[in-house]
Amino acid sequence: MIAIGCDHGGLNIKNAVIDYFNEKGVAYRDFGCDSPQSVDYPIYAYQVATAVANGDADCGIICCGTGIGVSMVANKVKGVRAAVVTDAFCAEMTRRHNDANVLCMGGRVIDESTAVKLADIFLNTEYEGGRHAKRVQMITDIENGNFMIKS
């Protein structure tokens, strides 16, 4: 199951991704918002990130005007590796190399068809592990307060 949410600035691309999910039969939970009326993005970003961190969702997608604000919120939730992407290469590499579990996009930065394309890439790209596993573990160690720089 995929957790998805947005603020008013990301509503257009969230709805496009949900249409794609419905077309493809992808299971999701929509955390809102559902209106173009101004709302506070931390509420929606936190709900999606928490669902991912708790294991209630396999991964998450959060949209706002730029993707930046929601990524800042999501990355405050322990266990979340959220990435803002604007192109196909970044959507692929954040999964392949960083094992990102939350995709962040901006409705004022990309259009609906691009958002669907990036979501598809993100959801269908596997984490490589290997040499990247050490780096992902370092991120986890920083998060857990036990990162040690070895000279």
N, C-alpha and C. Protein backbone atom coordinates (compact mmCIF):
# COMPACT_ATOMS: atom_id res chain seq x y z
N MET A 1 0.84 -1.18 0.00
CA MET A 1 0.00 0.00 0.00
C MET A 1 0.88 1.24 0.00
N ILE A 2 0.47 2.22 -0.75
CA ILE A 2 1.21 3.47 -0.86
C ILE A 2 0.44 4.57 -0.15
N ALA A 3 1.13 5.29 0.73
CA ALA A 3 0.53 6.46 1.38
C ALA A 3 0.77 7.66 0.48
N ILE A 4 -0.25 8.47 0.29
CA ILE A 4 -0.11 9.66 -0.56
C ILE A 4 -0.83 10.83 0.09
N GLY A 5 -0.27 12.01 -0.06
CA GLY A 5 -0.88 13.21 0.50
C GLY A 5 -0.31 14.45 -0.15
N CYS A 6 -0.94 15.57 0.16
CA CYS A 6 -0.51 16.83 -0.44
C CYS A 6 -1.08 18.01 0.34
N ASP A 7 -0.55 19.17 0.02
CA ASP A 7 -1.22 20.41 0.42
C ASP A 7 -1.88 20.98 -0.83
N HIS A 8 -2.40 22.17 -0.74
CA HIS A 8 -3.10 22.79 -1.87
C HIS A 8 -2.20 22.98 -3.10
N GLY A 9 -0.91 23.21 -2.88
CA GLY A 9 0.02 23.43 -3.99
C GLY A 9 0.34 22.17 -4.77
N GLY A 10 0.10 21.02 -4.17
CA GLY A 10 0.38 19.76 -4.84
C GLY A 10 -0.85 18.97 -5.22
N LEU A 11 -2.02 19.56 -5.01
CA LEU A 11 -3.28 18.84 -5.25
C LEU A 11 -3.39 18.32 -6.69
N ASN A 12 -3.01 19.13 -7.65
CA ASN A 12 -3.15 18.73 -9.05
C ASN A 12 -2.32 17.49 -9.37
N ILE A 13 -1.09 17.43 -8.90
CA ILE A 13 -0.27 16.27 -9.23
C ILE A 13 -0.63 15.05 -8.37
N LYS A 14 -1.06 15.30 -7.13
CA LYS A 14 -1.53 14.16 -6.31
C LYS A 14 -2.71 13.50 -6.99
N ASN A 15 -3.66 14.28 -7.47
CA ASN A 15 -4.84 13.71 -8.12
C ASN A 15 -4.47 12.97 -9.40
N ALA A 16 -3.48 13.46 -10.13
CA ALA A 16 -3.02 12.76 -11.34
C ALA A 16 -2.40 11.42 -10.99
N VAL A 17 -1.62 11.37 -9.92
CA VAL A 17 -1.00 10.12 -9.48
C VAL A 17 -2.08 9.15 -8.99
N ILE A 18 -3.08 9.65 -8.28
CA ILE A 18 -4.18 8.79 -7.82
C ILE A 18 -4.95 8.22 -9.01
N ASP A 19 -5.17 9.03 -10.04
CA ASP A 19 -5.82 8.52 -11.25
C ASP A 19 -5.01 7.37 -11.85
N TYR A 20 -3.70 7.53 -11.87
CA TYR A 20 -2.79 6.48 -12.35
C TYR A 20 -2.92 5.22 -11.47
N PHE A 21 -2.94 5.41 -10.15
CA PHE A 21 -3.10 4.27 -9.24
C PHE A 21 -4.40 3.53 -9.52
N ASN A 22 -5.48 4.27 -9.69
CA ASN A 22 -6.78 3.66 -9.96
C ASN A 22 -6.76 2.89 -11.28
N GLU A 23 -6.13 3.46 -12.28
CA GLU A 23 -6.03 2.81 -13.59
C GLU A 23 -5.22 1.52 -13.51
N LYS A 24 -4.16 1.51 -12.72
CA LYS A 24 -3.26 0.36 -12.62
C LYS A 24 -3.63 -0.61 -11.50
N GLY A 25 -4.62 -0.27 -10.69
CA GLY A 25 -5.02 -1.13 -9.58
C GLY A 25 -4.03 -1.13 -8.43
N VAL A 26 -3.38 -0.01 -8.22
CA VAL A 26 -2.40 0.13 -7.13
C VAL A 26 -3.14 0.50 -5.85
N ALA A 27 -2.85 -0.22 -4.77
CA ALA A 27 -3.47 0.08 -3.47
C ALA A 27 -2.82 1.31 -2.86
N TYR A 28 -3.65 2.22 -2.35
CA TYR A 28 -3.13 3.44 -1.74
C TYR A 28 -4.08 3.92 -0.66
N ARG A 29 -3.55 4.80 0.17
CA ARG A 29 -4.38 5.52 1.14
C ARG A 29 -4.10 7.00 0.94
N ASP A 30 -5.15 7.75 0.70
CA ASP A 30 -5.06 9.19 0.47
C ASP A 30 -5.24 9.92 1.79
N PHE A 31 -4.20 10.62 2.22
CA PHE A 31 -4.24 11.37 3.47
C PHE A 31 -4.71 12.82 3.26
N GLY A 32 -5.10 13.18 2.04
CA GLY A 32 -5.55 14.54 1.75
C GLY A 32 -4.37 15.40 1.32
N CYS A 33 -4.64 16.64 1.12
CA CYS A 33 -5.88 17.39 1.18
C CYS A 33 -6.71 17.15 -0.08
N ASP A 34 -7.92 17.65 -0.06
CA ASP A 34 -8.85 17.40 -1.16
C ASP A 34 -9.41 18.67 -1.77
N SER A 35 -8.79 19.81 -1.48
CA SER A 35 -9.32 21.09 -1.91
C SER A 35 -8.16 22.03 -2.25
N PRO A 36 -8.38 22.96 -3.17
CA PRO A 36 -7.34 23.95 -3.47
C PRO A 36 -7.22 25.05 -2.41
N GLN A 37 -8.06 24.99 -1.39
CA GLN A 37 -7.99 25.98 -0.30
C GLN A 37 -6.70 25.79 0.48
N SER A 38 -6.08 26.88 0.87
CA SER A 38 -4.79 26.84 1.56
C SER A 38 -4.86 26.02 2.85
N VAL A 39 -3.87 25.11 3.01
CA VAL A 39 -3.75 24.27 4.20
C VAL A 39 -2.28 24.23 4.61
N ASP A 40 -2.01 23.68 5.76
CA ASP A 40 -0.65 23.58 6.28
C ASP A 40 -0.03 22.24 5.89
N TYR A 41 0.99 22.29 5.03
CA TYR A 41 1.60 21.06 4.52
C TYR A 41 2.19 20.13 5.58
N PRO A 42 2.69 20.62 6.73
CA PRO A 42 3.25 19.67 7.70
C PRO A 42 2.26 18.60 8.16
N ILE A 43 0.98 18.93 8.21
CA ILE A 43 -0.03 17.96 8.65
C ILE A 43 -0.04 16.75 7.73
N TYR A 44 -0.08 16.98 6.44
CA TYR A 44 -0.20 15.91 5.46
C TYR A 44 1.12 15.16 5.29
N ALA A 45 2.21 15.89 5.28
CA ALA A 45 3.52 15.26 5.16
C ALA A 45 3.79 14.35 6.35
N TYR A 46 3.45 14.81 7.53
CA TYR A 46 3.67 14.01 8.74
C TYR A 46 2.84 12.73 8.71
N GLN A 47 1.61 12.82 8.29
CA GLN A 47 0.73 11.64 8.24
C GLN A 47 1.27 10.59 7.27
N VAL A 48 1.69 11.03 6.10
CA VAL A 48 2.24 10.08 5.11
C VAL A 48 3.54 9.48 5.64
N ALA A 49 4.45 10.32 6.13
CA ALA A 49 5.73 9.83 6.62
C ALA A 49 5.57 8.87 7.78
N THR A 50 4.65 9.16 8.68
CA THR A 50 4.40 8.28 9.82
C THR A 50 3.85 6.93 9.36
N ALA A 51 2.98 6.93 8.37
CA ALA A 51 2.45 5.67 7.84
C ALA A 51 3.58 4.81 7.27
N VAL A 52 4.52 5.44 6.61
CA VAL A 52 5.67 4.72 6.05
C VAL A 52 6.56 4.21 7.19
N ALA A 53 6.89 5.09 8.11
CA ALA A 53 7.79 4.73 9.22
C ALA A 53 7.22 3.61 10.08
N ASN A 54 5.91 3.61 10.27
CA ASN A 54 5.25 2.59 11.09
C ASN A 54 5.03 1.27 10.37
N GLY A 55 5.29 1.26 9.06
CA GLY A 55 5.07 0.05 8.27
C GLY A 55 3.64 -0.13 7.81
N ASP A 56 2.81 0.88 8.02
CA ASP A 56 1.43 0.82 7.54
C ASP A 56 1.37 1.01 6.02
N ALA A 57 2.43 1.58 5.44
CA ALA A 57 2.54 1.78 3.99
C ALA A 57 3.92 1.31 3.56
N ASP A 58 4.00 0.79 2.36
CA ASP A 58 5.29 0.34 1.82
C ASP A 58 6.18 1.53 1.47
N CYS A 59 5.57 2.59 1.01
CA CYS A 59 6.30 3.82 0.68
C CYS A 59 5.27 4.95 0.61
N GLY A 60 5.77 6.16 0.37
CA GLY A 60 4.87 7.31 0.35
C GLY A 60 5.18 8.28 -0.78
N ILE A 61 4.19 9.06 -1.11
CA ILE A 61 4.33 10.15 -2.08
C ILE A 61 3.66 11.37 -1.47
N ILE A 62 4.42 12.47 -1.41
CA ILE A 62 3.88 13.70 -0.83
C ILE A 62 4.13 14.85 -1.81
N CYS A 63 3.13 15.68 -2.01
CA CYS A 63 3.23 16.78 -2.97
C CYS A 63 2.86 18.10 -2.30
N CYS A 64 3.62 19.12 -2.63
CA CYS A 64 3.28 20.50 -2.23
C CYS A 64 3.66 21.38 -3.41
N GLY A 65 3.84 22.66 -3.20
CA GLY A 65 4.17 23.55 -4.30
C GLY A 65 5.50 23.23 -4.94
N THR A 66 6.51 22.95 -4.12
CA THR A 66 7.85 22.64 -4.64
C THR A 66 8.33 21.24 -4.31
N GLY A 67 7.73 20.61 -3.32
CA GLY A 67 8.22 19.33 -2.81
C GLY A 67 9.21 19.50 -1.67
N ILE A 68 9.72 20.69 -1.52
CA ILE A 68 10.77 20.95 -0.53
C ILE A 68 10.21 20.92 0.89
N GLY A 69 9.15 21.65 1.13
CA GLY A 69 8.58 21.71 2.48
C GLY A 69 8.17 20.35 3.00
N VAL A 70 7.48 19.58 2.16
CA VAL A 70 7.03 18.26 2.61
C VAL A 70 8.21 17.32 2.84
N SER A 71 9.27 17.49 2.06
CA SER A 71 10.45 16.64 2.27
C SER A 71 11.13 16.97 3.59
N MET A 72 11.15 18.24 3.94
CA MET A 72 11.75 18.63 5.22
C MET A 72 10.99 18.00 6.38
N VAL A 73 9.68 18.03 6.30
CA VAL A 73 8.85 17.43 7.35
C VAL A 73 9.07 15.91 7.38
N ALA A 74 8.96 15.27 6.24
CA ALA A 74 9.06 13.82 6.18
C ALA A 74 10.40 13.32 6.71
N ASN A 75 11.46 14.04 6.42
CA ASN A 75 12.79 13.61 6.86
C ASN A 75 13.01 13.81 8.36
N LYS A 76 12.09 14.45 9.04
CA LYS A 76 12.15 14.55 10.51
C LYS A 76 11.58 13.30 11.18
N VAL A 77 10.88 12.47 10.42
CA VAL A 77 10.27 11.26 10.97
C VAL A 77 11.29 10.13 10.87
N LYS A 78 11.61 9.55 12.00
CA LYS A 78 12.62 8.50 12.07
C LYS A 78 12.24 7.34 11.15
N GLY A 79 13.20 6.92 10.33
CA GLY A 79 12.97 5.81 9.42
C GLY A 79 12.58 6.22 8.02
N VAL A 80 12.39 7.52 7.81
CA VAL A 80 12.00 8.01 6.50
C VAL A 80 13.21 8.58 5.77
N ARG A 81 13.31 8.23 4.50
CA ARG A 81 14.30 8.81 3.60
C ARG A 81 13.51 9.40 2.44
N ALA A 82 13.21 10.68 2.54
CA ALA A 82 12.39 11.37 1.55
C ALA A 82 13.27 12.16 0.60
N ALA A 83 12.89 12.17 -0.67
CA ALA A 83 13.67 12.87 -1.69
C ALA A 83 12.76 13.67 -2.60
N VAL A 84 13.15 14.92 -2.86
CA VAL A 84 12.47 15.75 -3.84
C VAL A 84 13.05 15.40 -5.21
N VAL A 85 12.19 15.09 -6.15
CA VAL A 85 12.65 14.81 -7.50
C VAL A 85 11.88 15.64 -8.52
N THR A 86 12.58 15.99 -9.59
CA THR A 86 11.97 16.76 -10.67
C THR A 86 12.21 16.14 -12.03
N ASP A 87 13.01 15.06 -12.07
CA ASP A 87 13.27 14.41 -13.35
C ASP A 87 13.42 12.91 -13.17
N ALA A 88 13.41 12.20 -14.28
CA ALA A 88 13.44 10.73 -14.28
C ALA A 88 14.72 10.18 -13.67
N PHE A 89 15.84 10.79 -13.97
CA PHE A 89 17.11 10.31 -13.44
C PHE A 89 17.12 10.34 -11.92
N CYS A 90 16.67 11.45 -11.33
CA CYS A 90 16.64 11.56 -9.87
C CYS A 90 15.64 10.58 -9.25
N ALA A 91 14.49 10.38 -9.88
CA ALA A 91 13.50 9.43 -9.37
C ALA A 91 14.08 8.02 -9.33
N GLU A 92 14.82 7.66 -10.35
CA GLU A 92 15.44 6.34 -10.39
C GLU A 92 16.58 6.23 -9.38
N MET A 93 17.46 7.20 -9.35
CA MET A 93 18.65 7.10 -8.51
C MET A 93 18.34 7.18 -7.02
N THR A 94 17.30 7.92 -6.65
CA THR A 94 16.98 8.00 -5.22
C THR A 94 16.49 6.66 -4.68
N ARG A 95 15.91 5.86 -5.54
CA ARG A 95 15.55 4.49 -5.15
C ARG A 95 16.75 3.57 -5.25
N ARG A 96 17.41 3.60 -6.39
CA ARG A 96 18.49 2.67 -6.68
C ARG A 96 19.67 2.82 -5.71
N HIS A 97 20.04 4.07 -5.40
CA HIS A 97 21.23 4.32 -4.58
C HIS A 97 20.93 4.70 -3.14
N ASN A 98 19.80 5.37 -2.88
CA ASN A 98 19.53 5.89 -1.53
C ASN A 98 18.44 5.14 -0.80
N ASP A 99 17.79 4.20 -1.45
CA ASP A 99 16.68 3.45 -0.87
C ASP A 99 15.63 4.38 -0.27
N ALA A 100 15.36 5.48 -0.99
CA ALA A 100 14.34 6.42 -0.54
C ALA A 100 13.00 5.70 -0.42
N ASN A 101 12.25 6.05 0.61
CA ASN A 101 10.94 5.43 0.80
C ASN A 101 9.79 6.44 0.71
N VAL A 102 10.12 7.71 0.49
CA VAL A 102 9.09 8.73 0.26
C VAL A 102 9.54 9.62 -0.90
N LEU A 103 8.67 9.73 -1.88
CA LEU A 103 8.88 10.59 -3.05
C LEU A 103 8.18 11.92 -2.80
N CYS A 104 8.88 13.02 -3.02
CA CYS A 104 8.30 14.36 -2.85
C CYS A 104 8.38 15.09 -4.18
N MET A 105 7.27 15.73 -4.54
CA MET A 105 7.19 16.45 -5.82
C MET A 105 6.45 17.76 -5.64
N GLY A 106 6.69 18.68 -6.56
CA GLY A 106 6.08 20.00 -6.49
C GLY A 106 5.14 20.28 -7.63
N GLY A 107 3.90 20.61 -7.30
CA GLY A 107 2.88 20.93 -8.30
C GLY A 107 3.11 22.24 -9.03
N ARG A 108 4.00 23.07 -8.50
CA ARG A 108 4.34 24.32 -9.18
C ARG A 108 5.66 24.20 -9.94
N VAL A 109 6.22 22.99 -9.91
CA VAL A 109 7.52 22.74 -10.54
C VAL A 109 7.37 21.78 -11.73
N ILE A 110 6.53 20.76 -11.57
CA ILE A 110 6.32 19.78 -12.64
C ILE A 110 4.83 19.68 -12.96
N ASP A 111 4.53 19.17 -14.15
CA ASP A 111 3.12 19.01 -14.53
C ASP A 111 2.62 17.61 -14.17
N GLU A 112 1.34 17.38 -14.41
CA GLU A 112 0.70 16.14 -14.00
C GLU A 112 1.32 14.92 -14.67
N SER A 113 1.58 15.00 -15.97
CA SER A 113 2.13 13.83 -16.67
C SER A 113 3.53 13.50 -16.17
N THR A 114 4.31 14.51 -15.85
CA THR A 114 5.64 14.28 -15.30
C THR A 114 5.54 13.63 -13.92
N ALA A 115 4.60 14.09 -13.11
CA ALA A 115 4.41 13.52 -11.77
C ALA A 115 4.07 12.04 -11.87
N VAL A 116 3.21 11.68 -12.78
CA VAL A 116 2.84 10.27 -12.97
C VAL A 116 4.06 9.47 -13.42
N LYS A 117 4.82 10.00 -14.35
CA LYS A 117 6.02 9.32 -14.84
C LYS A 117 7.03 9.11 -13.70
N LEU A 118 7.25 10.14 -12.89
CA LEU A 118 8.21 10.04 -11.79
C LEU A 118 7.73 9.06 -10.73
N ALA A 119 6.44 9.07 -10.43
CA ALA A 119 5.88 8.12 -9.47
C ALA A 119 6.06 6.69 -9.97
N ASP A 120 5.80 6.47 -11.24
CA ASP A 120 5.95 5.14 -11.83
C ASP A 120 7.41 4.67 -11.73
N ILE A 121 8.35 5.52 -12.05
CA ILE A 121 9.77 5.17 -11.95
C ILE A 121 10.12 4.86 -10.51
N PHE A 122 9.73 5.73 -9.60
CA PHE A 122 10.04 5.55 -8.18
C PHE A 122 9.50 4.21 -7.67
N LEU A 123 8.27 3.90 -8.01
CA LEU A 123 7.62 2.70 -7.50
C LEU A 123 8.13 1.41 -8.14
N ASN A 124 8.74 1.52 -9.30
CA ASN A 124 9.18 0.33 -10.02
C ASN A 124 10.70 0.19 -10.12
N THR A 125 11.41 0.95 -9.33
CA THR A 125 12.87 0.84 -9.30
C THR A 125 13.28 0.18 -7.99
N GLU A 126 14.13 -0.81 -8.09
CA GLU A 126 14.62 -1.54 -6.93
C GLU A 126 15.88 -0.89 -6.37
N TYR A 127 16.05 -0.99 -5.08
CA TYR A 127 17.27 -0.56 -4.39
C TYR A 127 18.38 -1.54 -4.74
N GLU A 128 19.56 -1.03 -5.12
CA GLU A 128 20.68 -1.87 -5.50
C GLU A 128 21.41 -2.50 -4.32
N GLY A 129 21.42 -1.83 -3.19
CA GLY A 129 22.21 -2.35 -2.07
C GLY A 129 23.69 -2.27 -2.40
N GLY A 130 24.41 -3.32 -2.11
CA GLY A 130 25.84 -3.35 -2.42
C GLY A 130 26.59 -2.20 -1.78
N ARG A 131 27.38 -1.50 -2.59
CA ARG A 131 28.19 -0.40 -2.07
C ARG A 131 27.35 0.72 -1.47
N HIS A 132 26.08 0.79 -1.86
CA HIS A 132 25.19 1.84 -1.35
C HIS A 132 24.67 1.53 0.05
N ALA A 133 24.66 0.26 0.43
CA ALA A 133 24.12 -0.14 1.73
C ALA A 133 24.89 0.52 2.88
N LYS A 134 26.20 0.64 2.74
CA LYS A 134 27.01 1.28 3.78
C LYS A 134 26.58 2.73 3.98
N ARG A 135 26.31 3.42 2.90
CA ARG A 135 25.92 4.83 2.96
C ARG A 135 24.52 5.00 3.54
N VAL A 136 23.61 4.13 3.15
CA VAL A 136 22.27 4.18 3.72
C VAL A 136 22.33 3.89 5.21
N GLN A 137 23.19 2.96 5.60
CA GLN A 137 23.36 2.66 7.03
C GLN A 137 23.93 3.87 7.76
N MET A 138 24.81 4.61 7.12
CA MET A 138 25.36 5.82 7.74
C MET A 138 24.25 6.84 8.01
N ILE A 139 23.31 6.95 7.08
CA ILE A 139 22.17 7.85 7.27
C ILE A 139 21.37 7.40 8.50
N THR A 140 21.14 6.11 8.60
CA THR A 140 20.41 5.56 9.74
C THR A 140 21.18 5.81 11.04
N ASP A 141 22.49 5.63 11.00
CA ASP A 141 23.31 5.87 12.19
C ASP A 141 23.24 7.34 12.62
N ILE A 142 23.26 8.26 11.68
CA ILE A 142 23.11 9.68 12.01
C ILE A 142 21.77 9.91 12.67
N GLU A 143 20.73 9.35 12.08
CA GLU A 143 19.37 9.48 12.61
C GLU A 143 19.26 8.95 14.04
N ASN A 144 19.96 7.86 14.31
CA ASN A 144 19.91 7.23 15.62
C ASN A 144 20.91 7.80 16.63
N GLY A 145 21.69 8.79 16.19
CA GLY A 145 22.63 9.45 17.10
C GLY A 145 23.88 8.65 17.41
N ASN A 146 24.22 7.69 16.55
CA ASN A 146 25.44 6.92 16.82
C ASN A 146 26.35 6.83 15.61
N PHE A 147 26.43 7.92 14.87
CA PHE A 147 27.33 8.00 13.72
C PHE A 147 28.72 8.38 14.20
N MET A 148 29.68 7.61 13.74
CA MET A 148 31.07 7.87 14.12
C MET A 148 31.89 8.05 12.84
N ILE A 149 32.59 9.15 12.75
CA ILE A 149 33.50 9.37 11.62
C ILE A 149 34.81 8.69 11.95
N LYS A 150 35.18 7.77 11.09
CA LYS A 150 36.42 7.02 11.29
C LYS A 150 37.51 7.64 10.44
N SER A 151 38.63 7.97 11.09
CA SER A 151 39.72 8.58 10.32
C SER A 151 40.71 7.57 9.85
